[in-house]
Amino acid sequence: MDSEIRHDLRPDDVRTLFELPLLELVFRAAAVHRKFHDPAQVQMCRLISIKTGGCPEDCAYCSQSSHYNTEIQASPLMEKREVLEIARRAREAGVTRVCMGAAWREVRDNKQFDRVLDIVREVTSMGVEVCCTLGMLSEDQAHRLEEAGLYAYNHNLDTSERYYSAIITTRTYADRLKTIANIRKTGVTVCCGGIIGMGENIEDRIALLHTLASFDPHPESVPINVLSKVPGTPLENQPEVSVWDTVRMIATARLLMPASVVRLSAGRAKMSPSDQALCFLAGANSIFSSDERKMLTRAVPCTDYDADRELLAALGLKMRPALERCADQRAAEPAPAGA
């Protein structure tokens, strides 16, 4: 099972992997990682908030929700020239994937969406992968993003279906699945993962991984986020997540979705270099970096380009070029193993 791409695993199959002794789990995940990916490569990504704050959703973890007092002020859609300048600096620093997020509940067919499509075209022309996270969208809107050159669309499940309503009440789990289904009707790749540390239990983590692993094809990109506790949100006092829990999620995701890019996402800024090295060994092959030390907002810290280049160099890793899929699930042929 470890070396196959499967979509028919039962929850008990996922639990069996998830509950392996940690070092055995990491060992198996590292072997699968080497079969499907170049283990010496890590992709650097840059996340840009192109429309910040004022979101009508009540996601309990989010600094941008209008339901909470987080000191994040609502701002209009960023000007194209500013986005392009951030993307240019990122590309020069070695970033090969630029992700753009807007604090919207859903995409609307208006002038703002037209502006986003124009930004997607311009950033894509730089030769980087462009990913957007704009909330829910229709099939037609997904096709318009595809026509603009969008490479990936991010729409996380966040947690299990059982626990979902404890975190978000303004949209349903089915709403999220519908948006992912709309993306799958295009050639745009899917970026879909979750967050740990929100008060969920082990069964919820297993259920989230099972749902992701049941998608056919698997998401090409699977972000594993650790909760950033934002003052003013309902989750601000959650206990810290152990690095062992993060490594276990990454390693299990790698075994369940061998060809997917597993992204070590929010929460990495608090990890030591050795913690991050263990995550890479367990199968993570993408990180977020920034020259502003933030992900979408300053409430979620991010390490900077210089520190990340030093980390990769110290570990003997190199930055992955853009537009090189490590193994397209739909082709069902693993890429050659690296060094």
C-alpha atoms as a PDB file:
ATOM      1  CA  MET A   1       0.000   0.000   0.000  1.00  0.00           C
ATOM      2  CA  ASP A   2       2.848   2.406   0.797  1.00  0.00           C
ATOM      3  CA  SER A   3       3.996   2.579  -2.844  1.00  0.00           C
ATOM      4  CA  GLU A   4       0.602   2.732  -4.561  1.00  0.00           C
ATOM      5  CA  ILE A   5      -1.703   5.598  -5.413  1.00  0.00           C
ATOM      6  CA  ARG A   6      -5.067   4.559  -4.022  1.00  0.00           C
ATOM      7  CA  HIS A   7      -8.393   6.265  -3.477  1.00  0.00           C
ATOM      8  CA  ASP A   8     -10.318   3.413  -1.838  1.00  0.00           C
ATOM      9  CA  LEU A   9      -8.786   3.200   1.631  1.00  0.00           C
ATOM     10  CA  ARG A  10     -11.104   2.745   4.589  1.00  0.00           C
ATOM     11  CA  PRO A  11     -10.914   4.940   7.707  1.00  0.00           C
ATOM     12  CA  ASP A  12      -9.387   1.981   9.574  1.00  0.00           C
ATOM     13  CA  ASP A  13      -6.632   1.752   6.943  1.00  0.00           C
ATOM     14  CA  VAL A  14      -5.786   5.409   7.539  1.00  0.00           C
ATOM     15  CA  ARG A  15      -5.867   4.889  11.295  1.00  0.00           C
ATOM     16  CA  THR A  16      -3.456   1.969  11.020  1.00  0.00           C
ATOM     17  CA  LEU A  17      -0.912   4.179   9.257  1.00  0.00           C
ATOM     18  CA  PHE A  18      -1.530   7.187  11.488  1.00  0.00           C
ATOM     19  CA  GLU A  19      -0.949   5.160  14.664  1.00  0.00           C
ATOM     20  CA  LEU A  20       2.361   3.603  13.603  1.00  0.00           C
ATOM     21  CA  PRO A  21       5.306   4.324  15.925  1.00  0.00           C
ATOM     22  CA  LEU A  22       6.529   7.738  14.833  1.00  0.00           C
ATOM     23  CA  LEU A  23       9.987   6.739  13.601  1.00  0.00           C
ATOM     24  CA  GLU A  24       8.561   3.802  11.656  1.00  0.00           C
ATOM     25  CA  LEU A  25       5.967   6.120  10.129  1.00  0.00           C
ATOM     26  CA  VAL A  26       8.654   8.639   9.119  1.00  0.00           C
ATOM     27  CA  PHE A  27      10.846   5.854   7.692  1.00  0.00           C
ATOM     28  CA  ARG A  28       8.022   4.582   5.482  1.00  0.00           C
ATOM     29  CA  ALA A  29       7.033   8.093   4.420  1.00  0.00           C
ATOM     30  CA  ALA A  30      10.618   8.973   3.508  1.00  0.00           C
ATOM     31  CA  ALA A  31      10.859   5.904   1.271  1.00  0.00           C
ATOM     32  CA  VAL A  32       7.624   6.800  -0.548  1.00  0.00           C
ATOM     33  CA  HIS A  33       8.771  10.399  -0.851  1.00  0.00           C
ATOM     34  CA  ARG A  34      11.958   9.284  -2.604  1.00  0.00           C
ATOM     35  CA  LYS A  35       9.988   7.127  -5.022  1.00  0.00           C
ATOM     36  CA  PHE A  36       7.639   9.879  -6.178  1.00  0.00           C
ATOM     37  CA  HIS A  37       9.691  13.059  -5.699  1.00  0.00           C
ATOM     38  CA  ASP A  38      13.210  14.416  -5.758  1.00  0.00           C
ATOM     39  CA  PRO A  39      13.973  14.466  -2.003  1.00  0.00           C
ATOM     40  CA  ALA A  40      16.591  17.167  -2.512  1.00  0.00           C
ATOM     41  CA  GLN A  41      14.040  19.697  -3.772  1.00  0.00           C
ATOM     42  CA  VAL A  42      11.748  21.976  -1.772  1.00  0.00           C
ATOM     43  CA  GLN A  43       9.448  24.499  -3.415  1.00  0.00           C
ATOM     44  CA  MET A  44       9.393  28.022  -1.977  1.00  0.00           C
ATOM     45  CA  CYS A  45       6.026  29.786  -2.129  1.00  0.00           C
ATOM     46  CA  ARG A  46       4.879  33.327  -1.388  1.00  0.00           C
ATOM     47  CA  LEU A  47       1.404  34.108  -0.055  1.00  0.00           C
ATOM     48  CA  ILE A  48      -0.023  37.555  -0.830  1.00  0.00           C
ATOM     49  CA  SER A  49      -3.213  38.945   0.695  1.00  0.00           C
ATOM     50  CA  ILE A  50      -4.644  40.885  -2.232  1.00  0.00           C
ATOM     51  CA  LYS A  51      -7.808  41.795  -0.317  1.00  0.00           C
ATOM     52  CA  THR A  52      -7.435  41.849   3.467  1.00  0.00           C
ATOM     53  CA  GLY A  53      -9.998  41.812   6.289  1.00  0.00           C
ATOM     54  CA  GLY A  54     -13.728  42.325   6.557  1.00  0.00           C
ATOM     55  CA  CYS A  55     -14.616  38.734   5.673  1.00  0.00           C
ATOM     56  CA  PRO A  56     -18.248  37.824   6.539  1.00  0.00           C
ATOM     57  CA  GLU A  57     -17.294  34.237   7.396  1.00  0.00           C
ATOM     58  CA  ASP A  58     -16.931  33.235  11.071  1.00  0.00           C
ATOM     59  CA  CYS A  59     -13.963  30.839  10.777  1.00  0.00           C
ATOM     60  CA  ALA A  60     -12.876  30.604  14.419  1.00  0.00           C
ATOM     61  CA  TYR A  61      -9.158  30.695  13.578  1.00  0.00           C
ATOM     62  CA  CYS A  62      -9.125  33.633  11.192  1.00  0.00           C
ATOM     63  CA  SER A  63      -7.648  37.074  11.809  1.00  0.00           C
ATOM     64  CA  GLN A  64      -9.642  38.478   8.877  1.00  0.00           C
ATOM     65  CA  SER A  65     -13.149  37.597  10.044  1.00  0.00           C
ATOM     66  CA  SER A  66     -15.458  40.573  10.617  1.00  0.00           C
ATOM     67  CA  HIS A  67     -16.971  38.655  13.555  1.00  0.00           C
ATOM     68  CA  TYR A  68     -13.904  39.128  15.774  1.00  0.00           C
ATOM     69  CA  ASN A  69     -11.825  41.999  17.093  1.00  0.00           C
ATOM     70  CA  THR A  70      -8.380  41.072  15.803  1.00  0.00           C
ATOM     71  CA  GLU A  71      -7.076  44.558  14.924  1.00  0.00           C
ATOM     72  CA  ILE A  72      -6.904  43.579  11.253  1.00  0.00           C
ATOM     73  CA  GLN A  73      -8.483  46.406   9.300  1.00  0.00           C
ATOM     74  CA  ALA A  74     -10.471  45.788   6.137  1.00  0.00           C
ATOM     75  CA  SER A  75      -8.755  47.073   3.008  1.00  0.00           C
ATOM     76  CA  PRO A  76      -9.708  47.261  -0.675  1.00  0.00           C
ATOM     77  CA  LEU A  77      -8.390  44.999  -3.402  1.00  0.00           C
ATOM     78  CA  MET A  78      -4.669  45.616  -3.858  1.00  0.00           C
ATOM     79  CA  GLU A  79      -3.527  47.471  -6.952  1.00  0.00           C
ATOM     80  CA  LYS A  80      -2.041  45.304  -9.680  1.00  0.00           C
ATOM     81  CA  ARG A  81       1.289  47.110  -9.721  1.00  0.00           C
ATOM     82  CA  GLU A  82       1.776  46.396  -6.001  1.00  0.00           C
ATOM     83  CA  VAL A  83       0.992  42.694  -6.434  1.00  0.00           C
ATOM     84  CA  LEU A  84       3.377  42.479  -9.382  1.00  0.00           C
ATOM     85  CA  GLU A  85       6.178  44.120  -7.401  1.00  0.00           C
ATOM     86  CA  ILE A  86       5.761  41.649  -4.519  1.00  0.00           C
ATOM     87  CA  ALA A  87       5.703  38.765  -6.999  1.00  0.00           C
ATOM     88  CA  ARG A  88       8.805  40.083  -8.765  1.00  0.00           C
ATOM     89  CA  ARG A  89      10.772  40.256  -5.505  1.00  0.00           C
ATOM     90  CA  ALA A  90       9.584  36.779  -4.601  1.00  0.00           C
ATOM     91  CA  ARG A  91      10.679  35.309  -7.923  1.00  0.00           C
ATOM     92  CA  GLU A  92      14.109  36.908  -7.592  1.00  0.00           C
ATOM     93  CA  ALA A  93      14.410  35.300  -4.133  1.00  0.00           C
ATOM     94  CA  GLY A  94      13.773  31.826  -5.565  1.00  0.00           C
ATOM     95  CA  VAL A  95      10.003  31.592  -5.062  1.00  0.00           C
ATOM     96  CA  THR A  96       8.327  29.577  -7.825  1.00  0.00           C
ATOM     97  CA  ARG A  97       4.714  29.590  -6.598  1.00  0.00           C
ATOM     98  CA  VAL A  98       2.793  32.773  -5.832  1.00  0.00           C
ATOM     99  CA  CYS A  99      -0.450  32.299  -3.916  1.00  0.00           C
ATOM    100  CA  MET A 100      -2.971  35.139  -3.764  1.00  0.00           C
ATOM    101  CA  GLY A 101      -5.771  35.265  -1.215  1.00  0.00           C
ATOM    102  CA  ALA A 102      -8.816  37.506  -0.921  1.00  0.00           C
ATOM    103  CA  ALA A 103     -10.929  37.716   2.237  1.00  0.00           C
ATOM    104  CA  TRP A 104     -14.157  36.920   0.411  1.00  0.00           C
ATOM    105  CA  ARG A 105     -16.903  34.433   1.221  1.00  0.00           C
ATOM    106  CA  GLU A 106     -17.360  33.740  -2.474  1.00  0.00           C
ATOM    107  CA  VAL A 107     -16.327  35.019  -5.877  1.00  0.00           C
ATOM    108  CA  ARG A 108     -18.769  37.451  -7.476  1.00  0.00           C
ATOM    109  CA  ASP A 109     -19.025  38.254 -11.165  1.00  0.00           C
ATOM    110  CA  ASN A 110     -18.037  41.900 -10.919  1.00  0.00           C
ATOM    111  CA  LYS A 111     -15.224  44.314 -11.725  1.00  0.00           C
ATOM    112  CA  GLN A 112     -13.167  43.109  -8.765  1.00  0.00           C
ATOM    113  CA  PHE A 113     -13.123  39.564 -10.173  1.00  0.00           C
ATOM    114  CA  ASP A 114     -12.135  40.991 -13.549  1.00  0.00           C
ATOM    115  CA  ARG A 115      -9.221  42.728 -11.839  1.00  0.00           C
ATOM    116  CA  VAL A 116      -8.176  39.468 -10.165  1.00  0.00           C
ATOM    117  CA  LEU A 117      -8.233  37.694 -13.535  1.00  0.00           C
ATOM    118  CA  ASP A 118      -5.977  40.404 -14.943  1.00  0.00           C
ATOM    119  CA  ILE A 119      -3.563  40.012 -12.011  1.00  0.00           C
ATOM    120  CA  VAL A 120      -3.508  36.238 -12.528  1.00  0.00           C
ATOM    121  CA  ARG A 121      -2.558  36.733 -16.190  1.00  0.00           C
ATOM    122  CA  GLU A 122       0.254  39.154 -15.344  1.00  0.00           C
ATOM    123  CA  VAL A 123       1.786  37.093 -12.524  1.00  0.00           C
ATOM    124  CA  THR A 124       1.524  33.906 -14.600  1.00  0.00           C
ATOM    125  CA  SER A 125       3.501  35.638 -17.339  1.00  0.00           C
ATOM    126  CA  MET A 126       6.425  35.850 -14.900  1.00  0.00           C
ATOM    127  CA  GLY A 127       6.889  32.084 -15.220  1.00  0.00           C
ATOM    128  CA  VAL A 128       5.722  31.128 -11.734  1.00  0.00           C
ATOM    129  CA  GLU A 129       2.879  28.894 -10.618  1.00  0.00           C
ATOM    130  CA  VAL A 130      -0.083  31.035  -9.587  1.00  0.00           C
ATOM    131  CA  CYS A 131      -2.517  29.811  -6.943  1.00  0.00           C
ATOM    132  CA  CYS A 132      -5.604  31.672  -5.724  1.00  0.00           C
ATOM    133  CA  THR A 133      -7.827  31.311  -2.685  1.00  0.00           C
ATOM    134  CA  LEU A 134     -10.915  33.465  -3.123  1.00  0.00           C
ATOM    135  CA  GLY A 135     -13.645  31.518  -1.353  1.00  0.00           C
ATOM    136  CA  MET A 136     -16.442  29.595  -3.000  1.00  0.00           C
ATOM    137  CA  LEU A 137     -16.754  29.767  -6.782  1.00  0.00           C
ATOM    138  CA  SER A 138     -18.983  28.434  -9.526  1.00  0.00           C
ATOM    139  CA  GLU A 139     -18.032  26.190 -12.408  1.00  0.00           C
ATOM    140  CA  ASP A 140     -18.104  29.143 -14.805  1.00  0.00           C
ATOM    141  CA  GLN A 141     -15.837  31.192 -12.534  1.00  0.00           C
ATOM    142  CA  ALA A 142     -13.441  28.260 -12.297  1.00  0.00           C
ATOM    143  CA  HIS A 143     -13.259  28.140 -16.101  1.00  0.00           C
ATOM    144  CA  ARG A 144     -12.595  31.889 -16.255  1.00  0.00           C
ATOM    145  CA  LEU A 145      -9.679  31.474 -13.849  1.00  0.00           C
ATOM    146  CA  GLU A 146      -8.392  28.624 -15.993  1.00  0.00           C
ATOM    147  CA  GLU A 147      -8.579  30.819 -19.104  1.00  0.00           C
ATOM    148  CA  ALA A 148      -6.574  33.486 -17.262  1.00  0.00           C
ATOM    149  CA  GLY A 149      -3.795  30.943 -16.731  1.00  0.00           C
ATOM    150  CA  LEU A 150      -4.390  29.979 -13.103  1.00  0.00           C
ATOM    151  CA  TYR A 151      -2.266  26.987 -12.098  1.00  0.00           C
ATOM    152  CA  ALA A 152      -3.919  26.049  -8.794  1.00  0.00           C
ATOM    153  CA  TYR A 153      -6.881  26.894  -6.583  1.00  0.00           C
ATOM    154  CA  ASN A 154      -6.707  26.552  -2.804  1.00  0.00           C
ATOM    155  CA  HIS A 155      -9.830  25.588  -0.875  1.00  0.00           C
ATOM    156  CA  ASN A 156      -9.008  23.856   2.389  1.00  0.00           C
ATOM    157  CA  LEU A 157     -11.380  21.510   4.205  1.00  0.00           C
ATOM    158  CA  ASP A 158      -9.823  22.732   7.481  1.00  0.00           C
ATOM    159  CA  THR A 159     -10.920  19.758   9.602  1.00  0.00           C
ATOM    160  CA  SER A 160     -13.191  16.705   9.628  1.00  0.00           C
ATOM    161  CA  GLU A 161     -16.821  16.904   8.563  1.00  0.00           C
ATOM    162  CA  ARG A 162     -17.854  15.975  12.124  1.00  0.00           C
ATOM    163  CA  TYR A 163     -15.930  18.834  13.754  1.00  0.00           C
ATOM    164  CA  TYR A 164     -16.451  21.393  11.014  1.00  0.00           C
ATOM    165  CA  SER A 165     -19.505  23.129  12.533  1.00  0.00           C
ATOM    166  CA  ALA A 166     -17.518  23.787  15.731  1.00  0.00           C
ATOM    167  CA  ILE A 167     -15.138  25.935  13.673  1.00  0.00           C
ATOM    168  CA  ILE A 168     -17.310  27.474  10.945  1.00  0.00           C
ATOM    169  CA  THR A 169     -21.081  28.069  10.783  1.00  0.00           C
ATOM    170  CA  THR A 170     -21.358  30.443   7.828  1.00  0.00           C
ATOM    171  CA  ARG A 171     -20.816  27.745   5.201  1.00  0.00           C
ATOM    172  CA  THR A 172     -21.092  23.971   5.144  1.00  0.00           C
ATOM    173  CA  TYR A 173     -18.680  21.154   4.453  1.00  0.00           C
ATOM    174  CA  ALA A 174     -20.757  20.395   1.362  1.00  0.00           C
ATOM    175  CA  ASP A 175     -20.136  23.964   0.149  1.00  0.00           C
ATOM    176  CA  ARG A 176     -16.398  23.339   0.289  1.00  0.00           C
ATOM    177  CA  LEU A 177     -16.680  20.032  -1.538  1.00  0.00           C
ATOM    178  CA  LYS A 178     -18.799  21.660  -4.253  1.00  0.00           C
ATOM    179  CA  THR A 179     -16.147  24.304  -4.922  1.00  0.00           C
ATOM    180  CA  ILE A 180     -13.481  21.599  -5.194  1.00  0.00           C
ATOM    181  CA  ALA A 181     -15.727  19.698  -7.615  1.00  0.00           C
ATOM    182  CA  ASN A 182     -16.102  22.844  -9.733  1.00  0.00           C
ATOM    183  CA  ILE A 183     -12.341  23.242  -9.916  1.00  0.00           C
ATOM    184  CA  ARG A 184     -12.007  19.613 -11.004  1.00  0.00           C
ATOM    185  CA  LYS A 185     -14.108  20.400 -14.077  1.00  0.00           C
ATOM    186  CA  THR A 186     -11.170  22.494 -15.316  1.00  0.00           C
ATOM    187  CA  GLY A 187      -7.464  21.902 -15.819  1.00  0.00           C
ATOM    188  CA  VAL A 188      -6.625  23.931 -12.700  1.00  0.00           C
ATOM    189  CA  THR A 189      -4.905  21.864 -10.014  1.00  0.00           C
ATOM    190  CA  VAL A 190      -6.383  21.514  -6.531  1.00  0.00           C
ATOM    191  CA  CYS A 191      -4.703  22.696  -3.332  1.00  0.00           C
ATOM    192  CA  CYS A 192      -6.607  21.319  -0.339  1.00  0.00           C
ATOM    193  CA  GLY A 193      -5.526  20.531   3.200  1.00  0.00           C
ATOM    194  CA  GLY A 194      -6.332  21.422   6.776  1.00  0.00           C
ATOM    195  CA  ILE A 195      -5.370  22.855  10.144  1.00  0.00           C
ATOM    196  CA  ILE A 196      -4.437  21.039  13.339  1.00  0.00           C
ATOM    197  CA  GLY A 197      -4.606  22.446  16.857  1.00  0.00           C
ATOM    198  CA  MET A 198      -8.171  23.793  16.732  1.00  0.00           C
ATOM    199  CA  GLY A 199      -9.493  21.523  19.485  1.00  0.00           C
ATOM    200  CA  GLU A 200     -10.133  18.551  17.214  1.00  0.00           C
ATOM    201  CA  ASN A 201      -9.363  15.030  18.400  1.00  0.00           C
ATOM    202  CA  ILE A 202      -7.248  12.319  16.787  1.00  0.00           C
ATOM    203  CA  GLU A 203     -10.292  10.830  15.066  1.00  0.00           C
ATOM    204  CA  ASP A 204     -10.933  14.191  13.389  1.00  0.00           C
ATOM    205  CA  ARG A 205      -7.382  14.300  12.048  1.00  0.00           C
ATOM    206  CA  ILE A 206      -7.728  10.770  10.711  1.00  0.00           C
ATOM    207  CA  ALA A 207     -11.090  11.641   9.141  1.00  0.00           C
ATOM    208  CA  LEU A 208      -9.651  14.724   7.448  1.00  0.00           C
ATOM    209  CA  LEU A 209      -6.797  12.699   5.968  1.00  0.00           C
ATOM    210  CA  HIS A 210      -9.221   9.976   4.869  1.00  0.00           C
ATOM    211  CA  THR A 211     -11.417  12.512   3.063  1.00  0.00           C
ATOM    212  CA  LEU A 212      -8.433  14.018   1.247  1.00  0.00           C
ATOM    213  CA  ALA A 213      -7.077  10.575   0.330  1.00  0.00           C
ATOM    214  CA  SER A 214     -10.496   9.560  -1.029  1.00  0.00           C
ATOM    215  CA  PHE A 215     -10.482  12.308  -3.676  1.00  0.00           C
ATOM    216  CA  ASP A 216      -9.858  10.934  -7.156  1.00  0.00           C
ATOM    217  CA  PRO A 217      -7.465  12.312  -8.196  1.00  0.00           C
ATOM    218  CA  HIS A 218      -5.811  13.347  -4.970  1.00  0.00           C
ATOM    219  CA  PRO A 219      -5.247  17.070  -4.447  1.00  0.00           C
ATOM    220  CA  GLU A 220      -2.023  17.962  -6.260  1.00  0.00           C
ATOM    221  CA  SER A 221      -1.161  20.115  -3.247  1.00  0.00           C
ATOM    222  CA  VAL A 222      -1.890  19.340   0.426  1.00  0.00           C
ATOM    223  CA  PRO A 223      -1.109  22.123   2.944  1.00  0.00           C
ATOM    224  CA  ILE A 224      -0.629  21.004   6.549  1.00  0.00           C
ATOM    225  CA  ASN A 225      -1.219  24.034   8.780  1.00  0.00           C
ATOM    226  CA  VAL A 226      -0.684  24.397  12.516  1.00  0.00           C
ATOM    227  CA  LEU A 227      -3.068  26.837  14.188  1.00  0.00           C
ATOM    228  CA  SER A 228      -1.695  30.343  14.628  1.00  0.00           C
ATOM    229  CA  LYS A 229      -3.461  31.545  17.767  1.00  0.00           C
ATOM    230  CA  VAL A 230      -4.779  34.999  16.873  1.00  0.00           C
ATOM    231  CA  PRO A 231      -5.806  37.254  19.798  1.00  0.00           C
ATOM    232  CA  GLY A 232      -9.486  38.109  19.531  1.00  0.00           C
ATOM    233  CA  THR A 233     -10.518  34.852  17.864  1.00  0.00           C
ATOM    234  CA  PRO A 234     -12.341  32.018  19.685  1.00  0.00           C
ATOM    235  CA  LEU A 235      -9.237  29.809  19.375  1.00  0.00           C
ATOM    236  CA  GLU A 236      -6.706  32.220  20.859  1.00  0.00           C
ATOM    237  CA  ASN A 237      -6.179  30.080  23.979  1.00  0.00           C
ATOM    238  CA  GLN A 238      -5.788  26.670  22.372  1.00  0.00           C
ATOM    239  CA  PRO A 239      -2.803  24.617  23.620  1.00  0.00           C
ATOM    240  CA  GLU A 240       0.329  24.443  21.512  1.00  0.00           C
ATOM    241  CA  VAL A 241       0.648  21.654  18.970  1.00  0.00           C
ATOM    242  CA  SER A 242       3.568  19.293  19.464  1.00  0.00           C
ATOM    243  CA  VAL A 243       6.012  19.028  16.581  1.00  0.00           C
ATOM    244  CA  TRP A 244       5.462  15.274  16.781  1.00  0.00           C
ATOM    245  CA  ASP A 245       1.800  15.812  15.889  1.00  0.00           C
ATOM    246  CA  THR A 246       2.799  17.906  12.898  1.00  0.00           C
ATOM    247  CA  VAL A 247       5.319  15.326  11.701  1.00  0.00           C
ATOM    248  CA  ARG A 248       2.719  12.568  12.098  1.00  0.00           C
ATOM    249  CA  MET A 249       0.218  14.488   9.924  1.00  0.00           C
ATOM    250  CA  ILE A 250       2.842  15.152   7.245  1.00  0.00           C
ATOM    251  CA  ALA A 251       4.121  11.577   7.161  1.00  0.00           C
ATOM    252  CA  THR A 252       0.625  10.097   6.992  1.00  0.00           C
ATOM    253  CA  ALA A 253      -0.366  12.531   4.242  1.00  0.00           C
ATOM    254  CA  ARG A 254       2.739  11.515   2.296  1.00  0.00           C
ATOM    255  CA  LEU A 255       1.864   7.816   2.557  1.00  0.00           C
ATOM    256  CA  LEU A 256      -1.786   8.375   1.631  1.00  0.00           C
ATOM    257  CA  MET A 257      -1.116  10.791  -1.242  1.00  0.00           C
ATOM    258  CA  PRO A 258       2.324   9.809  -2.575  1.00  0.00           C
ATOM    259  CA  ALA A 259       2.397  12.055  -5.630  1.00  0.00           C
ATOM    260  CA  SER A 260       0.972  15.181  -3.997  1.00  0.00           C
ATOM    261  CA  VAL A 261       3.101  18.123  -2.886  1.00  0.00           C
ATOM    262  CA  VAL A 262       2.786  18.276   0.904  1.00  0.00           C
ATOM    263  CA  ARG A 263       3.169  21.857   2.058  1.00  0.00           C
ATOM    264  CA  LEU A 264       4.544  22.708   5.497  1.00  0.00           C
ATOM    265  CA  SER A 265       2.465  25.837   5.932  1.00  0.00           C
ATOM    266  CA  ALA A 266       1.257  27.984   8.860  1.00  0.00           C
ATOM    267  CA  GLY A 267       3.065  27.308  12.118  1.00  0.00           C
ATOM    268  CA  ARG A 268       6.482  26.681  10.597  1.00  0.00           C
ATOM    269  CA  ALA A 269       7.835  30.013  11.854  1.00  0.00           C
ATOM    270  CA  LYS A 270       7.790  28.632  15.396  1.00  0.00           C
ATOM    271  CA  MET A 271       9.700  25.473  14.475  1.00  0.00           C
ATOM    272  CA  SER A 272      13.405  24.971  15.029  1.00  0.00           C
ATOM    273  CA  PRO A 273      15.633  24.040  12.073  1.00  0.00           C
ATOM    274  CA  SER A 274      15.763  20.438  13.335  1.00  0.00           C
ATOM    275  CA  ASP A 275      11.958  20.321  13.595  1.00  0.00           C
ATOM    276  CA  GLN A 276      11.692  21.460   9.988  1.00  0.00           C
ATOM    277  CA  ALA A 277      14.334  18.958   8.870  1.00  0.00           C
ATOM    278  CA  LEU A 278      12.242  16.151  10.348  1.00  0.00           C
ATOM    279  CA  CYS A 279       9.192  17.463   8.471  1.00  0.00           C
ATOM    280  CA  PHE A 280      11.159  17.383   5.202  1.00  0.00           C
ATOM    281  CA  LEU A 281      12.321  13.846   5.951  1.00  0.00           C
ATOM    282  CA  ALA A 282       8.694  12.856   6.598  1.00  0.00           C
ATOM    283  CA  GLY A 283       7.667  14.058   3.150  1.00  0.00           C
ATOM    284  CA  ALA A 284       7.056  17.808   3.197  1.00  0.00           C
ATOM    285  CA  ASN A 285       8.441  19.372   0.019  1.00  0.00           C
ATOM    286  CA  SER A 286       7.121  22.915   0.037  1.00  0.00           C
ATOM    287  CA  ILE A 287       7.316  25.919   2.372  1.00  0.00           C
ATOM    288  CA  PHE A 288       6.020  29.478   2.466  1.00  0.00           C
ATOM    289  CA  SER A 289       8.504  32.316   2.688  1.00  0.00           C
ATOM    290  CA  SER A 290       8.218  36.108   2.728  1.00  0.00           C
ATOM    291  CA  ASP A 291      10.224  39.307   2.779  1.00  0.00           C
ATOM    292  CA  GLU A 292       7.589  40.758   5.137  1.00  0.00           C
ATOM    293  CA  ARG A 293       7.685  37.972   7.755  1.00  0.00           C
ATOM    294  CA  LYS A 294       3.960  37.284   7.365  1.00  0.00           C
ATOM    295  CA  MET A 295       1.675  34.925   5.526  1.00  0.00           C
ATOM    296  CA  LEU A 296      -1.681  36.546   4.712  1.00  0.00           C
ATOM    297  CA  THR A 297      -1.551  38.958   7.684  1.00  0.00           C
ATOM    298  CA  ARG A 298       0.927  39.775  10.432  1.00  0.00           C
ATOM    299  CA  ALA A 299      -1.204  37.666  12.772  1.00  0.00           C
ATOM    300  CA  VAL A 300       0.315  34.609  11.068  1.00  0.00           C
ATOM    301  CA  PRO A 301       4.132  34.873  11.062  1.00  0.00           C
ATOM    302  CA  CYS A 302       6.356  33.540   8.297  1.00  0.00           C
ATOM    303  CA  THR A 303      10.111  33.152   7.987  1.00  0.00           C
ATOM    304  CA  ASP A 304      11.978  35.313   5.505  1.00  0.00           C
ATOM    305  CA  TYR A 305      13.749  34.499   2.243  1.00  0.00           C
ATOM    306  CA  ASP A 306      17.279  34.782   3.616  1.00  0.00           C
ATOM    307  CA  ALA A 307      16.604  32.502   6.601  1.00  0.00           C
ATOM    308  CA  ASP A 308      14.948  29.914   4.369  1.00  0.00           C
ATOM    309  CA  ARG A 309      17.781  29.892   1.849  1.00  0.00           C
ATOM    310  CA  GLU A 310      20.220  29.362   4.719  1.00  0.00           C
ATOM    311  CA  LEU A 311      18.088  26.530   6.108  1.00  0.00           C
ATOM    312  CA  LEU A 312      17.857  24.724   2.784  1.00  0.00           C
ATOM    313  CA  ALA A 313      21.582  25.156   2.184  1.00  0.00           C
ATOM    314  CA  ALA A 314      22.419  23.771   5.633  1.00  0.00           C
ATOM    315  CA  LEU A 315      20.284  20.687   4.911  1.00  0.00           C
ATOM    316  CA  GLY A 316      21.730  20.184   1.431  1.00  0.00           C
ATOM    317  CA  LEU A 317      18.385  20.973  -0.190  1.00  0.00           C
ATOM    318  CA  LYS A 318      17.715  23.063  -3.277  1.00  0.00           C
ATOM    319  CA  MET A 319      14.785  25.166  -4.434  1.00  0.00           C
ATOM    320  CA  ARG A 320      12.430  23.456  -6.861  1.00  0.00           C
ATOM    321  CA  PRO A 321      11.845  25.152 -10.217  1.00  0.00           C
ATOM    322  CA  ALA A 322       8.350  26.303 -11.191  1.00  0.00           C
ATOM    323  CA  LEU A 323       5.928  24.342 -13.330  1.00  0.00           C
ATOM    324  CA  GLU A 324       7.550  20.983 -12.662  1.00  0.00           C
ATOM    325  CA  ARG A 325       4.893  18.700 -11.205  1.00  0.00           C
ATOM    326  CA  CYS A 326       6.583  16.056  -9.082  1.00  0.00           C
ATOM    327  CA  ALA A 327       4.252  13.377 -10.451  1.00  0.00           C
ATOM    328  CA  ASP A 328       0.873  13.998 -11.990  1.00  0.00           C
ATOM    329  CA  GLN A 329      -1.613  11.683 -10.298  1.00  0.00           C
ATOM    330  CA  ARG A 330      -3.636  11.517 -13.462  1.00  0.00           C
ATOM    331  CA  ALA A 331      -0.639  10.159 -15.369  1.00  0.00           C
ATOM    332  CA  ALA A 332      -0.132   7.502 -12.659  1.00  0.00           C
ATOM    333  CA  GLU A 333       3.607   7.350 -13.355  1.00  0.00           C
ATOM    334  CA  PRO A 334       5.969   8.218 -10.474  1.00  0.00           C
ATOM    335  CA  ALA A 335       8.756  10.641 -11.228  1.00  0.00           C
ATOM    336  CA  PRO A 336      12.314   9.332 -10.979  1.00  0.00           C
ATOM    337  CA  ALA A 337      13.709   9.364  -7.478  1.00  0.00           C
ATOM    338  CA  GLY A 338      16.328  11.981  -6.789  1.00  0.00           C
ATOM    339  CA  ALA A 339      19.699  11.733  -5.179  1.00  0.00           C
END
